[in-house]
All heavy atoms as atom14 arrays in JSON, in Angstrom:
{
  "sequence": "VYLQMNSLRPEDTAVYYCAADVKLGRDSKFESDYWGQGTQVTVSS",
  "atom14_mask": [
    [1, 1, 1, 1, 1, 1, 1, 0, 0, 0, 0, 0, 0, 0],
    [1, 1, 1, 1, 1, 1, 1, 1, 1, 1, 1, 1, 0, 0],
    [1, 1, 1, 1, 1, 1, 1, 1, 0, 0, 0, 0, 0, 0],
    [1, 1, 1, 1, 1, 1, 1, 1, 1, 0, 0, 0, 0, 0],
    [1, 1, 1, 1, 1, 1, 1, 1, 0, 0, 0, 0, 0, 0],
    [1, 1, 1, 1, 1, 1, 1, 1, 0, 0, 0, 0, 0, 0],
    [1, 1, 1, 1, 1, 1, 0, 0, 0, 0, 0, 0, 0, 0],
    [1, 1, 1, 1, 1, 1, 1, 1, 0, 0, 0, 0, 0, 0],
    [1, 1, 1, 1, 1, 1, 1, 1, 1, 1, 1, 0, 0, 0],
    [1, 1, 1, 1, 1, 1, 1, 0, 0, 0, 0, 0, 0, 0],
    [1, 1, 1, 1, 1, 1, 1, 1, 1, 0, 0, 0, 0, 0],
    [1, 1, 1, 1, 1, 1, 1, 1, 0, 0, 0, 0, 0, 0],
    [1, 1, 1, 1, 1, 1, 1, 0, 0, 0, 0, 0, 0, 0],
    [1, 1, 1, 1, 1, 0, 0, 0, 0, 0, 0, 0, 0, 0],
    [1, 1, 1, 1, 1, 1, 1, 0, 0, 0, 0, 0, 0, 0],
    [1, 1, 1, 1, 1, 1, 1, 1, 1, 1, 1, 1, 0, 0],
    [1, 1, 1, 1, 1, 1, 1, 1, 1, 1, 1, 1, 0, 0],
    [1, 1, 1, 1, 1, 1, 0, 0, 0, 0, 0, 0, 0, 0],
    [1, 1, 1, 1, 1, 0, 0, 0, 0, 0, 0, 0, 0, 0],
    [1, 1, 1, 1, 1, 0, 0, 0, 0, 0, 0, 0, 0, 0],
    [1, 1, 1, 1, 1, 1, 1, 1, 0, 0, 0, 0, 0, 0],
    [1, 1, 1, 1, 1, 1, 1, 0, 0, 0, 0, 0, 0, 0],
    [1, 1, 1, 1, 1, 1, 1, 1, 1, 0, 0, 0, 0, 0],
    [1, 1, 1, 1, 1, 1, 1, 1, 0, 0, 0, 0, 0, 0],
    [1, 1, 1, 1, 0, 0, 0, 0, 0, 0, 0, 0, 0, 0],
    [1, 1, 1, 1, 1, 1, 1, 1, 1, 1, 1, 0, 0, 0],
    [1, 1, 1, 1, 1, 1, 1, 1, 0, 0, 0, 0, 0, 0],
    [1, 1, 1, 1, 1, 1, 0, 0, 0, 0, 0, 0, 0, 0],
    [1, 1, 1, 1, 1, 1, 1, 1, 1, 0, 0, 0, 0, 0],
    [1, 1, 1, 1, 1, 1, 1, 1, 1, 1, 1, 0, 0, 0],
    [1, 1, 1, 1, 1, 1, 1, 1, 1, 0, 0, 0, 0, 0],
    [1, 1, 1, 1, 1, 1, 0, 0, 0, 0, 0, 0, 0, 0],
    [1, 1, 1, 1, 1, 1, 1, 1, 0, 0, 0, 0, 0, 0],
    [1, 1, 1, 1, 1, 1, 1, 1, 1, 1, 1, 1, 0, 0],
    [1, 1, 1, 1, 1, 1, 1, 1, 1, 1, 1, 1, 1, 1],
    [1, 1, 1, 1, 0, 0, 0, 0, 0, 0, 0, 0, 0, 0],
    [1, 1, 1, 1, 1, 1, 1, 1, 1, 0, 0, 0, 0, 0],
    [1, 1, 1, 1, 0, 0, 0, 0, 0, 0, 0, 0, 0, 0],
    [1, 1, 1, 1, 1, 1, 1, 0, 0, 0, 0, 0, 0, 0],
    [1, 1, 1, 1, 1, 1, 1, 1, 1, 0, 0, 0, 0, 0],
    [1, 1, 1, 1, 1, 1, 1, 0, 0, 0, 0, 0, 0, 0],
    [1, 1, 1, 1, 1, 1, 1, 0, 0, 0, 0, 0, 0, 0],
    [1, 1, 1, 1, 1, 1, 1, 0, 0, 0, 0, 0, 0, 0],
    [1, 1, 1, 1, 1, 1, 0, 0, 0, 0, 0, 0, 0, 0],
    [1, 1, 1, 1, 1, 1, 0, 0, 0, 0, 0, 0, 0, 0]
  ],
  "atom14_positions": [
    [[99.03, 11.47, 24.54], [100.32, 10.84, 24.75], [100.43, 10.49, 26.23], [99.97, 11.24, 27.09], [101.48, 11.76, 24.32], [102.83, 11.09, 24.56], [101.33, 12.13, 22.85], [0.0, 0.0, 0.0], [0.0, 0.0, 0.0], [0.0, 0.0, 0.0], [0.0, 0.0, 0.0], [0.0, 0.0, 0.0], [0.0, 0.0, 0.0], [0.0, 0.0, 0.0]],
    [[101.07, 9.37, 26.52], [101.17, 8.88, 27.89], [102.63, 8.67, 28.28], [103.49, 8.45, 27.44], [100.44, 7.55, 28.06], [99.0, 7.58, 27.62], [98.63, 7.18, 26.34], [98.0, 8.01, 28.49], [97.3, 7.21, 25.93], [96.67, 8.04, 28.09], [96.32, 7.64, 26.82], [95.01, 7.68, 26.42], [0.0, 0.0, 0.0], [0.0, 0.0, 0.0]],
    [[102.86, 8.72, 29.58], [104.14, 8.34, 30.14], [103.88, 7.46, 31.35], [103.42, 7.94, 32.38], [104.98, 9.55, 30.54], [106.39, 9.23, 31.04], [107.25, 8.69, 29.89], [107.05, 10.46, 31.66], [0.0, 0.0, 0.0], [0.0, 0.0, 0.0], [0.0, 0.0, 0.0], [0.0, 0.0, 0.0], [0.0, 0.0, 0.0], [0.0, 0.0, 0.0]],
    [[104.13, 6.18, 31.19], [104.01, 5.24, 32.3], [105.33, 5.22, 33.05], [106.37, 4.93, 32.47], [103.67, 3.84, 31.78], [103.57, 2.77, 32.86], [102.4, 3.0, 33.78], [101.29, 3.28, 33.32], [102.63, 2.9, 35.08], [0.0, 0.0, 0.0], [0.0, 0.0, 0.0], [0.0, 0.0, 0.0], [0.0, 0.0, 0.0], [0.0, 0.0, 0.0]],
    [[105.27, 5.51, 34.33], [106.46, 5.61, 35.16], [106.39, 4.55, 36.24], [105.5, 4.58, 37.1], [106.59, 7.0, 35.78], [106.57, 8.13, 34.75], [106.86, 9.75, 35.49], [105.36, 9.9, 36.49], [0.0, 0.0, 0.0], [0.0, 0.0, 0.0], [0.0, 0.0, 0.0], [0.0, 0.0, 0.0], [0.0, 0.0, 0.0], [0.0, 0.0, 0.0]],
    [[107.32, 3.63, 36.21], [107.4, 2.55, 37.19], [108.7, 2.67, 37.98], [109.64, 3.34, 37.57], [107.34, 1.19, 36.5], [106.06, 0.95, 35.75], [104.99, 1.41, 36.16], [106.13, 0.22, 34.64], [0.0, 0.0, 0.0], [0.0, 0.0, 0.0], [0.0, 0.0, 0.0], [0.0, 0.0, 0.0], [0.0, 0.0, 0.0], [0.0, 0.0, 0.0]],
    [[108.74, 1.98, 39.1], [109.93, 1.97, 39.96], [110.44, 3.37, 40.23], [111.63, 3.67, 40.11], [111.03, 1.11, 39.32], [110.6, -0.21, 39.11], [0.0, 0.0, 0.0], [0.0, 0.0, 0.0], [0.0, 0.0, 0.0], [0.0, 0.0, 0.0], [0.0, 0.0, 0.0], [0.0, 0.0, 0.0], [0.0, 0.0, 0.0], [0.0, 0.0, 0.0]],
    [[109.54, 4.23, 40.61], [109.88, 5.64, 40.81], [110.85, 5.83, 41.96], [110.79, 5.11, 42.96], [108.62, 6.46, 41.03], [107.82, 6.75, 39.75], [106.41, 7.19, 40.1], [108.53, 7.8, 38.92], [0.0, 0.0, 0.0], [0.0, 0.0, 0.0], [0.0, 0.0, 0.0], [0.0, 0.0, 0.0], [0.0, 0.0, 0.0], [0.0, 0.0, 0.0]],
    [[111.72, 6.79, 41.8], [112.74, 7.13, 42.78], [112.58, 8.58, 43.21], [112.04, 9.38, 42.47], [114.13, 6.93, 42.17], [114.38, 5.56, 41.58], [115.61, 5.58, 40.7], [115.88, 4.28, 40.1], [116.77, 4.07, 39.15], [117.51, 5.07, 38.68], [116.94, 2.84, 38.65], [0.0, 0.0, 0.0], [0.0, 0.0, 0.0], [0.0, 0.0, 0.0]],
    [[113.06, 8.93, 44.4], [112.97, 10.33, 44.82], [113.59, 11.3, 43.83], [113.09, 12.42, 43.67], [113.72, 10.34, 46.16], [113.52, 8.96, 46.69], [113.56, 8.06, 45.47], [0.0, 0.0, 0.0], [0.0, 0.0, 0.0], [0.0, 0.0, 0.0], [0.0, 0.0, 0.0], [0.0, 0.0, 0.0], [0.0, 0.0, 0.0], [0.0, 0.0, 0.0]],
    [[114.64, 10.9, 43.15], [115.27, 11.77, 42.17], [114.43, 11.99, 40.92], [114.77, 12.82, 40.08], [116.66, 11.24, 41.78], [116.67, 9.79, 41.33], [117.05, 8.84, 42.45], [116.59, 9.04, 43.59], [117.81, 7.88, 42.18], [0.0, 0.0, 0.0], [0.0, 0.0, 0.0], [0.0, 0.0, 0.0], [0.0, 0.0, 0.0], [0.0, 0.0, 0.0]],
    [[113.33, 11.26, 40.78], [112.39, 11.51, 39.69], [111.46, 12.68, 40.0], [110.69, 13.09, 39.12], [111.54, 10.27, 39.41], [112.36, 9.11, 38.87], [113.25, 9.35, 38.03], [112.09, 7.96, 39.28], [0.0, 0.0, 0.0], [0.0, 0.0, 0.0], [0.0, 0.0, 0.0], [0.0, 0.0, 0.0], [0.0, 0.0, 0.0], [0.0, 0.0, 0.0]],
    [[111.51, 13.19, 41.2], [110.66, 14.31, 41.59], [110.94, 15.52, 40.7], [112.08, 15.97, 40.6], [110.88, 14.67, 43.06], [110.46, 13.58, 43.88], [110.08, 15.91, 43.44], [0.0, 0.0, 0.0], [0.0, 0.0, 0.0], [0.0, 0.0, 0.0], [0.0, 0.0, 0.0], [0.0, 0.0, 0.0], [0.0, 0.0, 0.0], [0.0, 0.0, 0.0]],
    [[109.91, 16.03, 40.06], [110.06, 17.14, 39.13], [108.69, 17.53, 38.61], [107.7, 16.83, 38.81], [110.97, 16.76, 37.96], [0.0, 0.0, 0.0], [0.0, 0.0, 0.0], [0.0, 0.0, 0.0], [0.0, 0.0, 0.0], [0.0, 0.0, 0.0], [0.0, 0.0, 0.0], [0.0, 0.0, 0.0], [0.0, 0.0, 0.0], [0.0, 0.0, 0.0]],
    [[108.65, 18.66, 37.92], [107.5, 19.01, 37.11], [107.72, 18.38, 35.74], [108.76, 18.6, 35.11], [107.31, 20.53, 36.98], [106.15, 20.85, 36.06], [107.08, 21.14, 38.36], [0.0, 0.0, 0.0], [0.0, 0.0, 0.0], [0.0, 0.0, 0.0], [0.0, 0.0, 0.0], [0.0, 0.0, 0.0], [0.0, 0.0, 0.0], [0.0, 0.0, 0.0]],
    [[106.75, 17.63, 35.29], [106.85, 16.94, 34.01], [106.04, 17.68, 32.96], [104.87, 18.0, 33.17], [106.36, 15.5, 34.14], [107.36, 14.6, 34.81], [107.62, 14.72, 36.17], [108.07, 13.65, 34.09], [108.56, 13.92, 36.79], [109.01, 12.84, 34.7], [109.25, 12.98, 36.05], [110.19, 12.17, 36.66], [0.0, 0.0, 0.0], [0.0, 0.0, 0.0]],
    [[106.67, 17.93, 31.83], [106.07, 18.7, 30.75], [105.91, 17.85, 29.5], [106.83, 17.14, 29.1], [106.94, 19.91, 30.39], [107.1, 20.92, 31.5], [108.15, 20.83, 32.39], [106.2, 21.96, 31.63], [108.31, 21.76, 33.41], [106.35, 22.9, 32.63], [107.4, 22.79, 33.52], [107.55, 23.72, 34.52], [0.0, 0.0, 0.0], [0.0, 0.0, 0.0]],
    [[104.76, 17.94, 28.9], [104.52, 17.35, 27.6], [105.0, 18.33, 26.53], [104.88, 19.54, 26.68], [103.03, 17.07, 27.43], [102.57, 16.28, 25.87], [0.0, 0.0, 0.0], [0.0, 0.0, 0.0], [0.0, 0.0, 0.0], [0.0, 0.0, 0.0], [0.0, 0.0, 0.0], [0.0, 0.0, 0.0], [0.0, 0.0, 0.0], [0.0, 0.0, 0.0]],
    [[105.53, 17.8, 25.45], [106.06, 18.63, 24.38], [105.66, 18.08, 23.02], [105.61, 16.86, 22.83], [107.58, 18.72, 24.48], [0.0, 0.0, 0.0], [0.0, 0.0, 0.0], [0.0, 0.0, 0.0], [0.0, 0.0, 0.0], [0.0, 0.0, 0.0], [0.0, 0.0, 0.0], [0.0, 0.0, 0.0], [0.0, 0.0, 0.0], [0.0, 0.0, 0.0]],
    [[105.4, 18.97, 22.1], [105.07, 18.6, 20.72], [106.15, 19.1, 19.77], [106.77, 20.13, 20.01], [103.71, 19.17, 20.32], [0.0, 0.0, 0.0], [0.0, 0.0, 0.0], [0.0, 0.0, 0.0], [0.0, 0.0, 0.0], [0.0, 0.0, 0.0], [0.0, 0.0, 0.0], [0.0, 0.0, 0.0], [0.0, 0.0, 0.0], [0.0, 0.0, 0.0]],
    [[106.33, 18.35, 18.71], [107.33, 18.67, 17.69], [108.73, 18.64, 18.3], [109.51, 19.58, 18.14], [107.04, 20.02, 17.04], [107.77, 20.18, 15.72], [108.2, 19.17, 15.14], [107.9, 21.33, 15.26], [0.0, 0.0, 0.0], [0.0, 0.0, 0.0], [0.0, 0.0, 0.0], [0.0, 0.0, 0.0], [0.0, 0.0, 0.0], [0.0, 0.0, 0.0]],
    [[109.04, 17.56, 18.97], [110.36, 17.38, 19.57], [111.36, 17.05, 18.46], [111.1, 16.21, 17.61], [110.34, 16.27, 20.61], [111.74, 16.04, 21.18], [109.36, 16.61, 21.72], [0.0, 0.0, 0.0], [0.0, 0.0, 0.0], [0.0, 0.0, 0.0], [0.0, 0.0, 0.0], [0.0, 0.0, 0.0], [0.0, 0.0, 0.0], [0.0, 0.0, 0.0]],
    [[112.49, 17.7, 18.52], [113.53, 17.47, 17.52], [114.89, 17.7, 18.13], [115.04, 18.31, 19.19], [113.32, 18.38, 16.32], [113.32, 19.86, 16.65], [112.94, 20.69, 15.42], [111.51, 20.42, 15.0], [111.09, 21.28, 13.86], [0.0, 0.0, 0.0], [0.0, 0.0, 0.0], [0.0, 0.0, 0.0], [0.0, 0.0, 0.0], [0.0, 0.0, 0.0]],
    [[115.89, 17.19, 17.46], [117.26, 17.34, 17.93], [117.76, 18.71, 17.53], [117.8, 19.05, 16.35], [118.14, 16.25, 17.35], [119.53, 16.09, 17.96], [119.42, 15.66, 19.42], [120.34, 15.08, 17.18], [0.0, 0.0, 0.0], [0.0, 0.0, 0.0], [0.0, 0.0, 0.0], [0.0, 0.0, 0.0], [0.0, 0.0, 0.0], [0.0, 0.0, 0.0]],
    [[118.13, 19.51, 18.52], [118.62, 20.85, 18.26], [120.05, 20.87, 17.79], [120.75, 19.84, 17.76], [0.0, 0.0, 0.0], [0.0, 0.0, 0.0], [0.0, 0.0, 0.0], [0.0, 0.0, 0.0], [0.0, 0.0, 0.0], [0.0, 0.0, 0.0], [0.0, 0.0, 0.0], [0.0, 0.0, 0.0], [0.0, 0.0, 0.0], [0.0, 0.0, 0.0]],
    [[120.49, 22.04, 17.43], [121.85, 22.19, 16.91], [122.91, 21.95, 17.97], [124.07, 21.7, 17.64], [122.02, 23.58, 16.3], [121.08, 23.84, 15.14], [121.24, 25.23, 14.58], [122.53, 25.37, 13.9], [122.93, 26.49, 13.29], [122.14, 27.55, 13.28], [124.11, 26.53, 12.7], [0.0, 0.0, 0.0], [0.0, 0.0, 0.0], [0.0, 0.0, 0.0]],
    [[122.52, 22.02, 19.25], [123.43, 21.74, 20.35], [123.41, 20.26, 20.73], [123.94, 19.89, 21.78], [123.09, 22.6, 21.57], [121.68, 22.36, 22.07], [120.92, 21.62, 21.42], [121.33, 22.91, 23.13], [0.0, 0.0, 0.0], [0.0, 0.0, 0.0], [0.0, 0.0, 0.0], [0.0, 0.0, 0.0], [0.0, 0.0, 0.0], [0.0, 0.0, 0.0]],
    [[122.8, 19.43, 19.91], [122.72, 17.99, 20.09], [121.82, 17.58, 21.25], [121.89, 16.44, 21.72], [124.11, 17.38, 20.27], [124.91, 17.6, 19.13], [0.0, 0.0, 0.0], [0.0, 0.0, 0.0], [0.0, 0.0, 0.0], [0.0, 0.0, 0.0], [0.0, 0.0, 0.0], [0.0, 0.0, 0.0], [0.0, 0.0, 0.0], [0.0, 0.0, 0.0]],
    [[120.95, 18.47, 21.71], [119.96, 18.16, 22.73], [118.56, 18.24, 22.13], [118.3, 19.02, 21.22], [120.07, 19.13, 23.89], [121.37, 19.05, 24.67], [121.36, 20.02, 25.84], [122.63, 19.91, 26.66], [122.63, 20.86, 27.8], [0.0, 0.0, 0.0], [0.0, 0.0, 0.0], [0.0, 0.0, 0.0], [0.0, 0.0, 0.0], [0.0, 0.0, 0.0]],
    [[117.68, 17.42, 22.66], [116.3, 17.46, 22.2], [115.64, 18.77, 22.62], [115.82, 19.23, 23.75], [115.51, 16.28, 22.74], [115.85, 14.98, 22.07], [116.47, 13.95, 22.77], [115.56, 14.77, 20.73], [116.78, 12.75, 22.16], [115.87, 13.58, 20.1], [116.48, 12.57, 20.81], [0.0, 0.0, 0.0], [0.0, 0.0, 0.0], [0.0, 0.0, 0.0]],
    [[114.89, 19.36, 21.68], [114.22, 20.63, 21.92], [112.78, 20.55, 21.45], [112.39, 19.64, 20.73], [114.94, 21.76, 21.17], [116.4, 21.92, 21.51], [116.63, 22.59, 22.85], [115.64, 23.08, 23.44], [117.79, 22.63, 23.3], [0.0, 0.0, 0.0], [0.0, 0.0, 0.0], [0.0, 0.0, 0.0], [0.0, 0.0, 0.0], [0.0, 0.0, 0.0]],
    [[111.98, 21.52, 21.87], [110.6, 21.59, 21.46], [110.12, 23.03, 21.49], [110.58, 23.83, 22.3], [109.71, 20.72, 22.36], [108.36, 20.79, 21.95], [0.0, 0.0, 0.0], [0.0, 0.0, 0.0], [0.0, 0.0, 0.0], [0.0, 0.0, 0.0], [0.0, 0.0, 0.0], [0.0, 0.0, 0.0], [0.0, 0.0, 0.0], [0.0, 0.0, 0.0]],
    [[109.16, 23.35, 20.63], [108.58, 24.68, 20.58], [107.2, 24.75, 21.23], [106.67, 25.85, 21.44], [108.47, 25.17, 19.14], [109.81, 25.45, 18.51], [110.75, 25.83, 19.24], [109.92, 25.3, 17.28], [0.0, 0.0, 0.0], [0.0, 0.0, 0.0], [0.0, 0.0, 0.0], [0.0, 0.0, 0.0], [0.0, 0.0, 0.0], [0.0, 0.0, 0.0]],
    [[106.61, 23.62, 21.54], [105.26, 23.58, 22.09], [105.26, 22.81, 23.4], [105.7, 21.66, 23.46], [104.28, 22.94, 21.11], [104.25, 23.63, 19.77], [104.95, 23.12, 18.69], [103.53, 24.81, 19.59], [104.94, 23.75, 17.46], [103.51, 25.45, 18.36], [104.22, 24.91, 17.3], [104.21, 25.54, 16.09], [0.0, 0.0, 0.0], [0.0, 0.0, 0.0]],
    [[104.74, 23.45, 24.45], [104.81, 22.9, 25.8], [103.47, 22.96, 26.51], [102.68, 23.89, 26.29], [105.82, 23.67, 26.65], [107.2, 23.68, 26.1], [107.74, 24.62, 25.27], [108.22, 22.71, 26.33], [109.04, 24.3, 24.98], [109.36, 23.13, 25.61], [108.29, 21.54, 27.07], [110.55, 22.41, 25.61], [109.47, 20.81, 27.07], [110.58, 21.26, 26.35]],
    [[103.22, 21.98, 27.36], [102.1, 22.07, 28.27], [102.47, 22.85, 29.52], [103.59, 23.36, 29.65], [0.0, 0.0, 0.0], [0.0, 0.0, 0.0], [0.0, 0.0, 0.0], [0.0, 0.0, 0.0], [0.0, 0.0, 0.0], [0.0, 0.0, 0.0], [0.0, 0.0, 0.0], [0.0, 0.0, 0.0], [0.0, 0.0, 0.0], [0.0, 0.0, 0.0]],
    [[101.53, 22.96, 30.44], [101.75, 23.71, 31.68], [102.55, 22.93, 32.71], [103.11, 23.52, 33.63], [100.41, 24.14, 32.28], [99.65, 25.15, 31.44], [100.37, 26.47, 31.36], [100.85, 27.01, 32.37], [100.47, 27.02, 30.15], [0.0, 0.0, 0.0], [0.0, 0.0, 0.0], [0.0, 0.0, 0.0], [0.0, 0.0, 0.0], [0.0, 0.0, 0.0]],
    [[102.59, 21.63, 32.57], [103.34, 20.8, 33.49], [102.47, 20.18, 34.57], [101.44, 20.72, 34.93], [0.0, 0.0, 0.0], [0.0, 0.0, 0.0], [0.0, 0.0, 0.0], [0.0, 0.0, 0.0], [0.0, 0.0, 0.0], [0.0, 0.0, 0.0], [0.0, 0.0, 0.0], [0.0, 0.0, 0.0], [0.0, 0.0, 0.0], [0.0, 0.0, 0.0]],
    [[102.9, 19.04, 35.07], [102.24, 18.38, 36.18], [103.29, 17.9, 37.17], [104.32, 17.36, 36.79], [101.37, 17.2, 35.68], [100.63, 16.64, 36.77], [102.2, 16.12, 35.02], [0.0, 0.0, 0.0], [0.0, 0.0, 0.0], [0.0, 0.0, 0.0], [0.0, 0.0, 0.0], [0.0, 0.0, 0.0], [0.0, 0.0, 0.0], [0.0, 0.0, 0.0]],
    [[103.03, 18.14, 38.45], [104.01, 17.84, 39.49], [104.01, 16.36, 39.84], [102.95, 15.77, 40.09], [103.72, 18.66, 40.75], [104.65, 18.37, 41.92], [106.05, 18.87, 41.7], [106.24, 20.01, 41.27], [107.03, 18.02, 41.96], [0.0, 0.0, 0.0], [0.0, 0.0, 0.0], [0.0, 0.0, 0.0], [0.0, 0.0, 0.0], [0.0, 0.0, 0.0]],
    [[105.2, 15.79, 39.86], [105.39, 14.42, 40.34], [106.34, 14.48, 41.53], [107.45, 15.0, 41.41], [105.98, 13.52, 39.25], [106.36, 12.15, 39.82], [104.98, 13.35, 38.11], [0.0, 0.0, 0.0], [0.0, 0.0, 0.0], [0.0, 0.0, 0.0], [0.0, 0.0, 0.0], [0.0, 0.0, 0.0], [0.0, 0.0, 0.0], [0.0, 0.0, 0.0]],
    [[105.9, 13.97, 42.66], [106.71, 13.95, 43.86], [106.83, 12.51, 44.35], [105.81, 11.85, 44.58], [106.1, 14.82, 44.96], [105.96, 16.17, 44.49], [106.99, 14.82, 46.19], [0.0, 0.0, 0.0], [0.0, 0.0, 0.0], [0.0, 0.0, 0.0], [0.0, 0.0, 0.0], [0.0, 0.0, 0.0], [0.0, 0.0, 0.0], [0.0, 0.0, 0.0]],
    [[108.05, 12.06, 44.51], [108.32, 10.69, 44.95], [108.96, 10.76, 46.33], [110.03, 11.34, 46.5], [109.24, 9.95, 43.98], [109.42, 8.5, 44.43], [108.67, 10.01, 42.57], [0.0, 0.0, 0.0], [0.0, 0.0, 0.0], [0.0, 0.0, 0.0], [0.0, 0.0, 0.0], [0.0, 0.0, 0.0], [0.0, 0.0, 0.0], [0.0, 0.0, 0.0]],
    [[108.31, 10.19, 47.3], [108.8, 10.2, 48.67], [109.6, 8.94, 48.95], [109.38, 7.89, 48.35], [107.64, 10.32, 49.66], [106.8, 9.18, 49.6], [0.0, 0.0, 0.0], [0.0, 0.0, 0.0], [0.0, 0.0, 0.0], [0.0, 0.0, 0.0], [0.0, 0.0, 0.0], [0.0, 0.0, 0.0], [0.0, 0.0, 0.0], [0.0, 0.0, 0.0]],
    [[110.53, 9.06, 49.89], [111.34, 7.92, 50.29], [110.77, 7.22, 51.49], [111.14, 6.1, 51.81], [112.78, 8.37, 50.56], [112.8, 9.33, 51.6], [0.0, 0.0, 0.0], [0.0, 0.0, 0.0], [0.0, 0.0, 0.0], [0.0, 0.0, 0.0], [0.0, 0.0, 0.0], [0.0, 0.0, 0.0], [0.0, 0.0, 0.0], [0.0, 0.0, 0.0]]
  ]
}
C-alpha cells in the first residue's frame, strides 16, 4: 500500500503508520487492530 504525499506542510510532520483492517469504530472514528512500526516524516519550512 502506498501514500503519495504532495504539497507537504510543516503541520504534516508526524510518524506515519500503516494499518490493516481499518473500520469505523463505535465512536464514529476509523480504527484498526493491525499496525506497522511507523515511519517519520518531517517537513521543514
